[in-house]
Amino acid sequence: MVRKGGRAGRSVKAHEQGDQIKMGGVTSSTSSSSPATAAGGSSYSAEAAQALCCACVGQSTVAVEEAWGRYDAVLGPGCHFVPWCVGRRVAGYLSLRVQQLDVRCETKTRDNVFVTVVASVQYRALADRAYDAFYCLTNAHAQIQSYVFDVIRASVPNMNLDEVFGQKKEVARAVEEELARAMTMYGYEIVQTLIVDIVPDEVVRRAMNDINAAARLRVAAAERAEADKIQQVKRAEGEAEAKYLAGVGVARQRQAIVEGLKRFVPNEKDVMDMVLVTQYFDTIRDIGATSRSSTVFIPHGPSAVRDMAAQVRDGLLQATAAAGGGAATLKAL
């Protein structure tokens, strides 16, 4: 009867160990990679080791030993003698590995934009504070999540949406400082806190993309207009230079014609008439050479050219007379 009761007691103790492992925040599932399984193997192996008054503690794990229901000691990695017959037992196992908890917190910014902030908290239990980590805290995940919610919802509403993206390191630092101050008393160390994602509402994201696209299109339109302006200015400068050079060429051509005619025609009046006739026929040729010009019909017989030459001479005479220096010009004409 004693042995049967002892086995039943050991079975109840094994179930209590599993419950206390879950309550201690070490693991939230019973998979093969859980710290309890790594430390003591399967539940049958742990029960068999307990029956033999032995406890096997895995690497990066500590076990909490109790004597008659009271805390007695922390067992490090290795095999330990735990005589159940004198009231000693392993109350549970505590992993010392770095664990990660992802917390999604929805809040709003100062410009009334709702965002979802995803914080990643990396923490671990301290070996020298195993008593506090095992007995003082029921659920480490829930405790950390509450502090993360409190800090994020206190800091993000004081920032605009753009400031939240630009100052996420400051938000992560505030969360880490608050968690470090609160979780140290429970035997946990906050290794690092990261703000891994900031997700605004879908409508806000589309609006932000539209604003960015419109700004870039405005810059592109300004650049295209500037490019068109440069092309037009360069084209005008090229046309002006071409016309200037064409005028210089025409002036040199006429000068050469006049100098050539002076050699064979002694009368300067006849030279002027021949130059005007030459220019007249050049103008007629240019009008006929292009199809996009407006043609003006004027008398173009020899008498018309003579009248035109007379009109030009009269105009020059009147201009020089009005200027007061027409004596020499009248003599020349």
Protein backbone atom coordinates (compact mmCIF):
# COMPACT_ATOMS: atom_id res chain seq x y z
CA MET A 1 0.00 0.00 0.00
CA VAL A 2 2.86 2.33 0.76
CA ARG A 3 4.50 1.67 -2.56
CA LYS A 4 1.25 2.17 -4.42
CA GLY A 5 0.65 5.41 -2.64
CA GLY A 6 4.21 6.45 -3.33
CA ARG A 7 3.75 5.79 -7.05
CA ALA A 8 0.54 7.72 -7.07
CA GLY A 9 2.28 10.55 -5.29
CA ARG A 10 5.08 10.46 -7.81
CA SER A 11 2.56 10.56 -10.66
CA VAL A 12 0.83 13.56 -9.11
CA LYS A 13 4.20 15.23 -8.62
CA ALA A 14 5.08 14.66 -12.28
CA HIS A 15 1.85 16.37 -13.34
CA GLU A 16 2.54 19.22 -10.91
CA GLN A 17 6.00 19.65 -12.44
CA GLY A 18 4.49 20.04 -15.90
CA ASP A 19 1.96 22.58 -14.62
CA GLN A 20 4.61 24.58 -12.81
CA ILE A 21 6.83 24.61 -15.88
CA LYS A 22 3.99 26.18 -17.87
CA MET A 23 3.14 28.62 -15.10
CA GLY A 24 6.76 29.69 -14.81
CA GLY A 25 6.72 31.06 -18.34
CA VAL A 26 9.35 28.63 -19.60
CA THR A 27 7.32 27.19 -22.45
CA SER A 28 3.82 27.39 -23.83
CA SER A 29 3.72 24.04 -25.65
CA THR A 30 4.62 20.41 -24.98
CA SER A 31 6.74 19.90 -28.11
CA SER A 32 9.91 17.84 -28.11
CA SER A 33 12.04 21.01 -28.11
CA SER A 34 10.63 22.37 -24.85
CA PRO A 35 13.06 23.08 -22.02
CA ALA A 36 11.35 20.53 -19.79
CA THR A 37 11.85 17.75 -22.32
CA ALA A 38 15.42 18.82 -23.02
CA ALA A 39 16.19 18.85 -19.33
CA GLY A 40 14.58 15.62 -18.21
CA GLY A 41 13.61 13.80 -21.41
CA SER A 42 10.06 12.44 -21.68
CA SER A 43 7.61 12.44 -18.81
CA TYR A 44 8.12 8.71 -18.36
CA SER A 45 11.91 9.16 -18.13
CA ALA A 46 11.49 11.99 -15.61
CA GLU A 47 9.14 9.82 -13.57
CA ALA A 48 11.56 6.91 -13.75
CA ALA A 49 14.45 9.15 -12.68
CA GLN A 50 12.33 10.52 -9.84
CA ALA A 51 11.52 6.95 -8.79
CA LEU A 52 15.26 6.28 -8.61
CA CYS A 53 15.75 9.48 -6.56
CA CYS A 54 17.64 11.13 -9.43
CA ALA A 55 17.04 14.32 -11.40
CA CYS A 56 18.77 15.05 -14.72
CA VAL A 57 19.00 18.74 -15.58
CA GLY A 58 19.88 19.70 -19.16
CA GLN A 59 22.35 22.29 -20.34
CA SER A 60 21.21 25.96 -20.13
CA THR A 61 18.53 24.84 -17.68
CA VAL A 62 18.15 24.91 -13.92
CA ALA A 63 15.82 22.92 -11.72
CA VAL A 64 14.08 24.16 -8.57
CA GLU A 65 14.22 21.67 -5.69
CA GLU A 66 11.70 21.70 -2.86
CA ALA A 67 11.76 19.97 0.52
CA TRP A 68 8.34 19.19 1.93
CA GLY A 69 6.78 21.83 -0.33
CA ARG A 70 9.25 24.58 0.55
CA TYR A 71 11.96 25.96 -1.69
CA ASP A 72 15.32 24.37 -0.93
CA ALA A 73 17.86 24.89 -3.73
CA VAL A 74 18.51 25.49 -7.43
CA LEU A 75 20.03 22.54 -9.27
CA GLY A 76 22.38 23.23 -12.17
CA PRO A 77 22.94 21.08 -15.26
CA GLY A 78 23.81 17.47 -14.53
CA CYS A 79 22.50 14.53 -12.50
CA HIS A 80 21.38 15.20 -8.93
CA PHE A 81 20.27 12.97 -6.06
CA VAL A 82 16.76 13.94 -4.99
CA PRO A 83 15.39 11.48 -2.42
CA TRP A 84 11.63 11.68 -2.68
CA CYS A 85 11.30 9.41 0.30
CA VAL A 86 12.39 12.24 2.63
CA GLY A 87 10.09 14.82 1.04
CA ARG A 88 12.40 16.25 -1.61
CA ARG A 89 11.30 16.75 -5.18
CA VAL A 90 11.98 18.82 -8.31
CA ALA A 91 9.28 21.46 -8.46
CA GLY A 92 10.08 22.50 -12.03
CA TYR A 93 12.65 23.46 -14.61
CA LEU A 94 13.62 26.93 -15.77
CA SER A 95 15.31 27.61 -19.12
CA LEU A 96 18.19 30.09 -19.19
CA ARG A 97 18.15 30.49 -22.97
CA VAL A 98 17.28 33.77 -24.65
CA GLN A 99 13.62 33.77 -25.61
CA GLN A 100 11.76 36.10 -27.93
CA LEU A 101 8.27 37.51 -27.65
CA ASP A 102 6.60 39.44 -30.49
CA VAL A 103 3.99 41.93 -29.34
CA ARG A 104 1.55 43.66 -31.71
CA CYS A 105 0.16 46.89 -30.29
CA GLU A 106 -2.43 49.07 -32.04
CA THR A 107 -2.40 52.75 -31.18
CA LYS A 108 -2.85 56.14 -32.82
CA THR A 109 -0.43 58.96 -33.56
CA ARG A 110 -0.74 62.66 -32.80
CA ASP A 111 -2.21 63.30 -36.27
CA ASN A 112 -4.96 60.70 -35.58
CA VAL A 113 -3.56 57.88 -37.70
CA PHE A 114 -4.03 54.36 -36.35
CA VAL A 115 -0.92 52.22 -36.62
CA THR A 116 0.06 48.72 -35.51
CA VAL A 117 3.49 48.65 -33.87
CA VAL A 118 5.21 45.27 -33.71
CA ALA A 119 7.81 45.03 -30.91
CA SER A 120 10.18 42.09 -30.54
CA VAL A 121 11.40 41.55 -26.96
CA GLN A 122 14.34 39.23 -26.28
CA TYR A 123 14.68 38.16 -22.65
CA ARG A 124 16.06 35.38 -20.46
CA ALA A 125 15.90 34.19 -16.88
CA LEU A 126 18.90 34.89 -14.62
CA ALA A 127 20.50 31.85 -12.98
CA ASP A 128 21.22 33.71 -9.74
CA ARG A 129 17.59 34.95 -9.64
CA ALA A 130 15.97 31.61 -10.42
CA TYR A 131 13.88 31.75 -7.23
CA ASP A 132 12.25 35.04 -8.31
CA ALA A 133 11.78 33.89 -11.90
CA PHE A 134 10.10 30.66 -10.79
CA TYR A 135 8.01 31.76 -7.81
CA CYS A 136 7.35 35.49 -8.21
CA LEU A 137 5.93 35.54 -11.73
CA THR A 138 3.09 33.40 -13.05
CA ASN A 139 3.20 34.32 -16.75
CA ALA A 140 6.24 36.19 -18.06
CA HIS A 141 4.77 36.63 -21.55
CA ALA A 142 1.65 38.39 -20.27
CA GLN A 143 3.69 40.61 -17.96
CA ILE A 144 6.07 41.70 -20.74
CA GLN A 145 3.18 42.28 -23.12
CA SER A 146 1.44 44.55 -20.63
CA TYR A 147 4.53 46.74 -20.18
CA VAL A 148 5.06 46.94 -23.94
CA PHE A 149 1.46 48.06 -24.45
CA ASP A 150 1.80 50.67 -21.72
CA VAL A 151 5.01 52.23 -23.06
CA ILE A 152 4.03 52.23 -26.75
CA ARG A 153 0.59 53.68 -26.09
CA ALA A 154 2.17 56.39 -23.94
CA SER A 155 4.91 57.45 -26.39
CA VAL A 156 3.50 56.97 -29.92
CA PRO A 157 0.46 59.31 -29.43
CA ASN A 158 2.94 62.17 -28.86
CA MET A 159 4.42 61.76 -32.37
CA ASN A 160 3.24 62.31 -35.91
CA LEU A 161 3.21 59.37 -38.29
CA ASP A 162 6.46 60.45 -39.95
CA GLU A 163 8.09 60.89 -36.53
CA VAL A 164 7.08 57.35 -35.52
CA PHE A 165 8.99 55.95 -38.50
CA GLY A 166 11.96 58.21 -37.88
CA GLN A 167 12.15 57.73 -34.10
CA LYS A 168 11.41 54.04 -33.72
CA LYS A 169 14.77 53.54 -32.00
CA GLU A 170 13.71 55.98 -29.29
CA VAL A 171 10.45 54.05 -28.84
CA ALA A 172 12.36 50.77 -28.60
CA ARG A 173 14.77 52.30 -26.07
CA ALA A 174 11.86 53.51 -23.93
CA VAL A 175 10.26 50.05 -23.99
CA GLU A 176 13.55 48.37 -23.12
CA GLU A 177 14.24 50.71 -20.19
CA GLU A 178 10.77 50.21 -18.74
CA LEU A 179 10.93 46.44 -19.15
CA ALA A 180 14.42 46.23 -17.65
CA ARG A 181 13.32 48.20 -14.61
CA ALA A 182 10.15 46.12 -14.13
CA MET A 183 11.37 42.61 -14.97
CA THR A 184 14.60 42.69 -12.95
CA MET A 185 12.65 42.22 -9.73
CA TYR A 186 11.16 39.06 -11.20
CA GLY A 187 14.54 37.55 -12.12
CA TYR A 188 14.45 38.27 -15.86
CA GLU A 189 16.95 40.17 -17.99
CA ILE A 190 15.82 42.12 -21.05
CA VAL A 191 18.50 41.43 -23.65
CA GLN A 192 17.18 43.67 -26.42
CA THR A 193 13.99 45.31 -27.63
CA LEU A 194 13.36 46.04 -31.30
CA ILE A 195 10.56 47.78 -33.17
CA VAL A 196 10.47 45.46 -36.17
CA ASP A 197 7.44 46.86 -38.00
CA ILE A 198 5.13 49.88 -38.12
CA VAL A 199 1.96 49.21 -40.12
CA PRO A 200 -0.45 52.12 -40.73
CA ASP A 201 -3.98 51.59 -41.92
CA GLU A 202 -4.32 50.49 -45.55
CA VAL A 203 -6.14 53.69 -46.55
CA VAL A 204 -3.37 55.79 -44.98
CA ARG A 205 -0.69 53.82 -46.78
CA ARG A 206 -2.39 54.34 -50.13
CA ALA A 207 -2.74 58.06 -49.40
CA MET A 208 0.95 58.31 -48.46
CA ASN A 209 1.93 56.54 -51.68
CA ASP A 210 -0.30 58.89 -53.70
CA ILE A 211 1.26 61.95 -52.04
CA ASN A 212 4.75 60.65 -52.75
CA ALA A 213 3.83 59.82 -56.35
CA ALA A 214 2.28 63.28 -56.88
CA ALA A 215 5.37 65.00 -55.48
CA ARG A 216 7.63 63.00 -57.74
CA LEU A 217 5.43 63.72 -60.76
CA ARG A 218 5.59 67.43 -59.94
CA VAL A 219 9.37 67.29 -59.80
CA ALA A 220 9.44 65.34 -63.06
CA ALA A 221 7.17 67.93 -64.75
CA ALA A 222 9.42 70.76 -63.57
CA GLU A 223 12.48 68.95 -64.89
CA ARG A 224 10.80 68.30 -68.23
CA ALA A 225 9.79 71.98 -68.50
CA GLU A 226 13.33 73.03 -67.66
CA ALA A 227 14.66 70.67 -70.32
CA ASP A 228 12.23 72.11 -72.90
CA LYS A 229 13.29 75.61 -71.91
CA ILE A 230 16.95 74.76 -72.39
CA GLN A 231 16.19 73.22 -75.79
CA GLN A 232 14.24 76.28 -76.92
CA VAL A 233 16.94 78.68 -75.70
CA LYS A 234 19.67 76.67 -77.37
CA ARG A 235 17.61 76.46 -80.56
CA ALA A 236 17.04 80.24 -80.52
CA GLU A 237 20.72 80.87 -79.88
CA GLY A 238 21.58 78.59 -82.76
CA GLU A 239 19.13 80.33 -85.08
CA ALA A 240 20.44 83.74 -84.03
CA GLU A 241 24.00 82.66 -84.65
CA ALA A 242 23.04 81.15 -87.99
CA LYS A 243 21.21 84.33 -89.07
CA TYR A 244 24.11 86.47 -87.94
CA LEU A 245 26.56 84.42 -89.94
CA ALA A 246 24.18 84.39 -92.91
CA GLY A 247 23.94 88.21 -92.72
CA VAL A 248 27.71 88.49 -92.55
CA GLY A 249 27.95 86.25 -95.59
CA VAL A 250 25.38 88.24 -97.54
CA ALA A 251 27.09 91.53 -96.62
CA ARG A 252 30.46 90.23 -97.75
CA GLN A 253 28.85 88.90 -100.93
CA ARG A 254 27.32 92.28 -101.75
CA GLN A 255 30.53 94.06 -100.89
CA ALA A 256 32.40 91.80 -103.30
CA ILE A 257 29.77 92.40 -105.99
CA VAL A 258 29.99 96.18 -105.56
CA GLU A 259 33.76 96.15 -105.64
CA GLY A 260 33.72 93.99 -108.76
CA LEU A 261 31.23 96.25 -110.53
CA LYS A 262 33.26 99.36 -109.68
CA ARG A 263 36.10 98.03 -111.76
CA PHE A 264 34.00 97.91 -114.93
CA VAL A 265 31.25 100.49 -114.29
CA PRO A 266 32.61 103.95 -113.46
CA ASN A 267 29.23 105.47 -112.62
CA GLU A 268 28.22 104.71 -109.07
CA LYS A 269 24.53 105.22 -109.87
CA ASP A 270 24.60 102.39 -112.38
CA VAL A 271 26.39 100.21 -109.84
CA MET A 272 23.62 100.84 -107.29
CA ASP A 273 20.97 100.00 -109.87
CA MET A 274 22.68 96.72 -110.75
CA VAL A 275 22.96 95.78 -107.07
CA LEU A 276 19.29 96.48 -106.49
CA VAL A 277 18.37 94.38 -109.54
CA THR A 278 20.51 91.54 -108.26
CA GLN A 279 18.88 91.69 -104.81
CA TYR A 280 15.45 91.86 -106.42
CA PHE A 281 15.99 88.64 -108.39
CA ASP A 282 17.52 86.93 -105.34
CA THR A 283 14.36 87.77 -103.38
CA ILE A 284 12.14 86.36 -106.15
CA ARG A 285 14.23 83.19 -106.20
CA ASP A 286 14.00 82.75 -102.40
CA ILE A 287 10.21 83.19 -102.46
CA GLY A 288 9.85 80.55 -105.11
CA ALA A 289 12.25 78.10 -103.44
CA THR A 290 10.04 77.44 -100.40
CA SER A 291 6.48 76.16 -100.37
CA ARG A 292 5.52 77.59 -96.96
CA SER A 293 6.12 81.27 -97.70
CA SER A 294 3.43 83.84 -98.46
CA THR A 295 3.94 85.23 -101.96
CA VAL A 296 3.29 88.90 -102.63
CA PHE A 297 2.93 89.93 -106.26
CA ILE A 298 4.57 93.23 -107.10
CA PRO A 299 5.50 94.84 -110.44
CA HIS A 300 8.83 93.42 -111.48
CA GLY A 301 9.54 94.91 -114.86
CA PRO A 302 12.63 97.04 -115.63
CA SER A 303 10.68 100.24 -115.06
CA ALA A 304 9.58 98.98 -111.65
CA VAL A 305 13.17 98.27 -110.71
CA ARG A 306 14.15 101.78 -111.88
CA ASP A 307 11.40 103.32 -109.78
CA MET A 308 12.47 101.23 -106.79
CA ALA A 309 16.07 102.41 -107.18
CA ALA A 310 14.87 106.01 -107.35
CA GLN A 311 12.81 105.53 -104.21
CA VAL A 312 15.78 104.06 -102.39
CA ARG A 313 18.01 106.98 -103.47
CA ASP A 314 15.39 109.50 -102.41
CA GLY A 315 15.06 107.82 -99.04
CA LEU A 316 18.79 107.86 -98.47
CA LEU A 317 19.01 111.52 -99.50
CA GLN A 318 16.22 112.54 -97.17
CA ALA A 319 17.78 110.59 -94.28
CA THR A 320 21.21 112.12 -94.73
CA ALA A 321 19.77 115.61 -95.19
CA ALA A 322 17.78 115.26 -91.97
CA ALA A 323 20.95 114.13 -90.17
CA GLY A 324 22.79 117.30 -91.35
CA GLY A 325 25.64 115.55 -93.09
CA GLY A 326 24.21 115.02 -96.51
CA ALA A 327 26.60 117.12 -98.60
CA ALA A 328 29.09 114.36 -99.16
CA THR A 329 26.37 111.78 -99.72
CA LEU A 330 24.56 114.00 -102.27
CA LYS A 331 27.81 114.42 -104.15
CA ALA A 332 28.44 110.69 -104.15
CA LEU A 333 24.92 109.87 -105.42
